[in-house]
Amino acid sequence: MQWAFFTLKTFLNRARIIFVNSLCHFILLLSGIKFGKQLRITGRMNIQVHPTAKIKLGHKVRINSGFSENPVGGALRMGIWVGPNAQLTI
């Protein structure tokens, strides 16, 4: 019985990561942020980008946000704020 519970828990956790990652990719696209292949985002992010600003994330970038993904940061979410005419490249 424990094996079945562990398998279900693992499946649900992976499904959550895939869903959140896909949702974050969609939000990044709507924000005009360019990103490379294999971007992995776990947890929600706070993004504020000025219309004249540009953000570019490279290949194989990982962003961990929230307590369950990054216990060191506590309950704080990953935040990106980019002001007028600024460029951020990671």
Protein backbone atom coordinates (compact mmCIF):
# COMPACT_ATOMS: atom_id res chain seq x y z
CA MET A 1 0.00 0.00 0.00
CA GLN A 2 2.85 2.39 0.77
CA TRP A 3 4.32 1.75 -2.67
CA ALA A 4 1.04 2.75 -4.35
CA PHE A 5 0.82 5.94 -2.27
CA PHE A 6 4.44 6.83 -3.09
CA THR A 7 3.85 6.20 -6.80
CA LEU A 8 0.72 8.37 -6.82
CA LYS A 9 2.48 11.13 -4.90
CA THR A 10 5.42 11.08 -7.35
CA PHE A 11 3.06 11.17 -10.34
CA LEU A 12 1.07 14.10 -8.93
CA ASN A 13 4.24 16.03 -8.11
CA ARG A 14 5.58 15.57 -11.66
CA ALA A 15 2.21 16.57 -13.14
CA ARG A 16 2.23 19.73 -10.97
CA ILE A 17 5.75 20.64 -12.13
CA ILE A 18 4.81 20.16 -15.79
CA PHE A 19 1.63 22.25 -15.38
CA VAL A 20 3.35 25.10 -13.51
CA ASN A 21 6.29 25.09 -15.93
CA SER A 22 3.93 25.31 -18.93
CA LEU A 23 1.92 28.09 -17.30
CA CYS A 24 5.09 30.07 -16.56
CA HIS A 25 6.30 29.63 -20.15
CA PHE A 26 2.98 31.07 -21.35
CA ILE A 27 3.27 34.04 -18.95
CA LEU A 28 6.83 34.70 -20.13
CA LEU A 29 5.69 34.70 -23.75
CA LEU A 30 2.88 37.14 -22.93
CA SER A 31 5.39 39.39 -21.16
CA GLY A 32 7.63 39.48 -24.23
CA ILE A 33 10.46 37.61 -22.52
CA LYS A 34 12.69 35.52 -24.77
CA PHE A 35 14.03 32.24 -23.41
CA GLY A 36 16.17 29.35 -24.60
CA LYS A 37 15.61 25.63 -24.61
CA GLN A 38 15.12 23.58 -21.46
CA LEU A 39 13.92 26.46 -19.27
CA ARG A 40 12.56 24.93 -16.06
CA ILE A 41 10.46 26.93 -13.65
CA THR A 42 9.06 25.47 -10.45
CA GLY A 43 6.71 27.68 -8.50
CA ARG A 44 5.05 30.96 -9.34
CA MET A 45 7.00 34.11 -10.16
CA ASN A 46 6.31 37.82 -9.87
CA ILE A 47 7.23 39.53 -13.14
CA GLN A 48 7.08 43.26 -13.85
CA VAL A 49 8.60 44.37 -17.13
CA HIS A 50 8.41 47.90 -18.50
CA PRO A 51 7.18 47.97 -22.13
CA THR A 52 10.56 49.35 -23.32
CA ALA A 53 12.60 46.78 -21.34
CA LYS A 54 13.97 43.47 -22.65
CA ILE A 55 14.63 40.18 -20.85
CA LYS A 56 16.46 37.19 -22.29
CA LEU A 57 16.92 33.88 -20.47
CA GLY A 58 19.52 31.48 -21.89
CA HIS A 59 19.51 27.72 -22.38
CA LYS A 60 19.05 25.33 -19.45
CA VAL A 61 18.01 28.05 -16.97
CA ARG A 62 16.29 26.84 -13.79
CA ILE A 63 14.19 29.09 -11.59
CA ASN A 64 13.05 27.77 -8.20
CA SER A 65 10.39 29.84 -6.49
CA GLY A 66 8.49 29.25 -3.26
CA PHE A 67 9.08 27.27 -0.08
CA SER A 68 8.58 23.76 -1.45
CA GLU A 69 11.11 24.41 -4.24
CA ASN A 70 13.66 26.51 -2.32
CA PRO A 71 13.54 26.18 1.49
CA VAL A 72 16.44 28.62 1.93
CA GLY A 73 14.41 31.50 0.48
CA GLY A 74 11.44 30.76 2.71
CA ALA A 75 8.00 31.58 1.41
CA LEU A 76 9.34 34.33 -0.87
CA ARG A 77 8.60 34.07 -4.57
CA MET A 78 11.07 34.70 -7.35
CA GLY A 79 10.64 38.24 -8.59
CA ILE A 80 11.87 40.01 -11.71
CA TRP A 81 11.45 43.78 -12.04
CA VAL A 82 12.93 45.51 -15.07
CA GLY A 83 12.63 49.27 -15.50
CA PRO A 84 12.43 51.55 -18.53
CA ASN A 85 14.95 50.92 -21.35
CA ALA A 86 16.71 48.22 -19.27
CA GLN A 87 18.03 44.88 -20.49
CA LEU A 88 18.37 41.76 -18.35
CA THR A 89 20.21 38.72 -19.71
CA ILE A 90 20.58 35.53 -17.71
